[in-house]
Amino acid sequence: MKKIYLSLAALVYFTIIIILRKYSENHICSFLSGVFGSLGVVFFIFMINIEKANFKKHF
């Protein structure tokens, strides 16, 4: 179930990035695309750390 939520979040994230990249003439859109990009990287690093912690608990 968690993988479904993660994949849906990634899909929404990438569609927002594509939309903001397409209309990047506005400086606010460029700023928001950078913010979303950095938040996405931090989110996936956080999820990887959670999976590692859960894996260590089982063994």
N, C-alpha and C. Protein backbone atom coordinates (compact mmCIF):
# COMPACT_ATOMS: atom_id res chain seq x y z
N MET A 1 0.82 -1.19 0.00
CA MET A 1 0.00 0.00 0.00
C MET A 1 0.86 1.26 0.00
N LYS A 2 1.99 1.22 0.73
CA LYS A 2 2.85 2.39 0.78
C LYS A 2 3.48 2.68 -0.58
N LYS A 3 3.75 1.63 -1.35
CA LYS A 3 4.35 1.82 -2.67
C LYS A 3 3.38 2.51 -3.62
N ILE A 4 2.10 2.26 -3.45
CA ILE A 4 1.10 2.92 -4.28
C ILE A 4 1.08 4.41 -3.98
N TYR A 5 1.10 4.79 -2.71
CA TYR A 5 1.11 6.20 -2.35
C TYR A 5 2.39 6.88 -2.83
N LEU A 6 3.50 6.18 -2.73
CA LEU A 6 4.77 6.74 -3.17
C LEU A 6 4.77 6.95 -4.68
N SER A 7 4.23 6.00 -5.41
CA SER A 7 4.19 6.15 -6.87
C SER A 7 3.23 7.25 -7.29
N LEU A 8 2.10 7.39 -6.60
CA LEU A 8 1.17 8.47 -6.91
C LEU A 8 1.77 9.83 -6.59
N ALA A 9 2.50 9.92 -5.47
CA ALA A 9 3.15 11.17 -5.12
C ALA A 9 4.22 11.53 -6.14
N ALA A 10 4.96 10.54 -6.61
CA ALA A 10 5.98 10.78 -7.63
C ALA A 10 5.33 11.22 -8.93
N LEU A 11 4.20 10.63 -9.31
CA LEU A 11 3.50 11.01 -10.53
C LEU A 11 3.03 12.46 -10.46
N VAL A 12 2.41 12.84 -9.35
CA VAL A 12 1.95 14.22 -9.18
C VAL A 12 3.14 15.18 -9.19
N TYR A 13 4.21 14.80 -8.53
CA TYR A 13 5.41 15.63 -8.47
C TYR A 13 5.97 15.87 -9.86
N PHE A 14 6.10 14.82 -10.66
CA PHE A 14 6.68 14.96 -11.99
C PHE A 14 5.77 15.74 -12.93
N THR A 15 4.46 15.60 -12.80
CA THR A 15 3.57 16.40 -13.65
C THR A 15 3.67 17.88 -13.30
N ILE A 16 3.80 18.20 -12.02
CA ILE A 16 3.97 19.60 -11.63
C ILE A 16 5.28 20.15 -12.19
N ILE A 17 6.34 19.37 -12.13
CA ILE A 17 7.63 19.81 -12.67
C ILE A 17 7.53 20.03 -14.17
N ILE A 18 6.86 19.12 -14.89
CA ILE A 18 6.72 19.27 -16.34
C ILE A 18 5.94 20.52 -16.68
N ILE A 19 4.86 20.78 -15.96
CA ILE A 19 4.06 21.98 -16.22
C ILE A 19 4.86 23.24 -15.94
N LEU A 20 5.59 23.26 -14.82
CA LEU A 20 6.37 24.45 -14.49
C LEU A 20 7.53 24.64 -15.45
N ARG A 21 8.10 23.56 -15.97
CA ARG A 21 9.19 23.68 -16.93
C ARG A 21 8.69 24.19 -18.28
N LYS A 22 7.47 23.81 -18.64
CA LYS A 22 6.93 24.24 -19.93
C LYS A 22 6.67 25.74 -19.95
N TYR A 23 6.20 26.27 -18.84
CA TYR A 23 5.89 27.70 -18.76
C TYR A 23 6.88 28.40 -17.85
N SER A 24 8.17 28.29 -18.19
CA SER A 24 9.21 28.82 -17.30
C SER A 24 9.58 30.27 -17.62
N GLU A 25 8.80 30.97 -18.44
CA GLU A 25 9.10 32.36 -18.75
C GLU A 25 8.99 33.24 -17.50
N ASN A 26 8.12 32.84 -16.61
CA ASN A 26 7.91 33.60 -15.39
C ASN A 26 8.96 33.19 -14.36
N HIS A 27 9.53 34.16 -13.69
CA HIS A 27 10.57 33.87 -12.71
C HIS A 27 10.02 33.10 -11.51
N ILE A 28 8.77 33.33 -11.17
CA ILE A 28 8.17 32.62 -10.04
C ILE A 28 8.06 31.13 -10.38
N CYS A 29 7.71 30.81 -11.61
CA CYS A 29 7.63 29.40 -12.01
C CYS A 29 9.01 28.75 -11.97
N SER A 30 10.03 29.48 -12.37
CA SER A 30 11.39 28.93 -12.30
C SER A 30 11.78 28.68 -10.85
N PHE A 31 11.45 29.63 -9.98
CA PHE A 31 11.75 29.46 -8.56
C PHE A 31 11.00 28.26 -7.98
N LEU A 32 9.73 28.14 -8.32
CA LEU A 32 8.93 27.03 -7.79
C LEU A 32 9.41 25.69 -8.32
N SER A 33 9.86 25.65 -9.58
CA SER A 33 10.38 24.39 -10.10
C SER A 33 11.65 23.99 -9.37
N GLY A 34 12.49 24.95 -9.02
CA GLY A 34 13.68 24.65 -8.23
C GLY A 34 13.33 24.16 -6.83
N VAL A 35 12.35 24.80 -6.22
CA VAL A 35 11.92 24.39 -4.88
C VAL A 35 11.32 22.99 -4.91
N PHE A 36 10.45 22.72 -5.90
CA PHE A 36 9.87 21.39 -6.02
C PHE A 36 10.93 20.34 -6.29
N GLY A 37 11.93 20.70 -7.09
CA GLY A 37 13.01 19.76 -7.36
C GLY A 37 13.78 19.40 -6.11
N SER A 38 14.11 20.41 -5.32
CA SER A 38 14.86 20.14 -4.09
C SER A 38 14.00 19.40 -3.07
N LEU A 39 12.73 19.72 -2.98
CA LEU A 39 11.85 19.01 -2.06
C LEU A 39 11.69 17.55 -2.48
N GLY A 40 11.64 17.31 -3.77
CA GLY A 40 11.54 15.94 -4.25
C GLY A 40 12.76 15.12 -3.89
N VAL A 41 13.93 15.71 -4.05
CA VAL A 41 15.16 15.00 -3.70
C VAL A 41 15.19 14.70 -2.21
N VAL A 42 14.83 15.68 -1.38
CA VAL A 42 14.81 15.49 0.07
C VAL A 42 13.78 14.43 0.45
N PHE A 43 12.63 14.44 -0.20
CA PHE A 43 11.58 13.46 0.09
C PHE A 43 12.06 12.05 -0.20
N PHE A 44 12.69 11.84 -1.36
CA PHE A 44 13.12 10.50 -1.71
C PHE A 44 14.28 10.04 -0.83
N ILE A 45 15.16 10.95 -0.42
CA ILE A 45 16.23 10.58 0.52
C ILE A 45 15.62 10.18 1.86
N PHE A 46 14.60 10.92 2.30
CA PHE A 46 13.92 10.60 3.54
C PHE A 46 13.25 9.23 3.48
N MET A 47 12.60 8.93 2.36
CA MET A 47 11.93 7.63 2.21
C MET A 47 12.95 6.50 2.18
N ILE A 48 14.10 6.70 1.55
CA ILE A 48 15.14 5.68 1.52
C ILE A 48 15.66 5.42 2.93
N ASN A 49 15.85 6.48 3.72
CA ASN A 49 16.32 6.32 5.09
C ASN A 49 15.29 5.58 5.95
N ILE A 50 14.02 5.83 5.72
CA ILE A 50 12.98 5.13 6.47
C ILE A 50 13.00 3.64 6.11
N GLU A 51 13.15 3.34 4.83
CA GLU A 51 13.20 1.93 4.41
C GLU A 51 14.43 1.23 5.00
N LYS A 52 15.55 1.91 5.06
CA LYS A 52 16.75 1.31 5.65
C LYS A 52 16.54 1.05 7.14
N ALA A 53 15.90 2.00 7.82
CA ALA A 53 15.64 1.82 9.26
C ALA A 53 14.70 0.65 9.50
N ASN A 54 13.66 0.52 8.66
CA ASN A 54 12.73 -0.60 8.80
C ASN A 54 13.41 -1.92 8.50
N PHE A 55 14.31 -1.92 7.53
CA PHE A 55 15.03 -3.15 7.18
C PHE A 55 15.94 -3.58 8.32
N LYS A 56 16.57 -2.63 9.01
CA LYS A 56 17.45 -2.96 10.12
C LYS A 56 16.68 -3.48 11.32
N LYS A 57 15.44 -3.03 11.50
CA LYS A 57 14.62 -3.51 12.62
C LYS A 57 14.26 -4.98 12.46
N HIS A 58 14.08 -5.41 11.22
CA HIS A 58 13.67 -6.79 10.99
C HIS A 58 14.83 -7.77 11.16
N PHE A 59 16.07 -7.28 11.04
CA PHE A 59 17.22 -8.18 11.16
C PHE A 59 18.13 -7.80 12.26
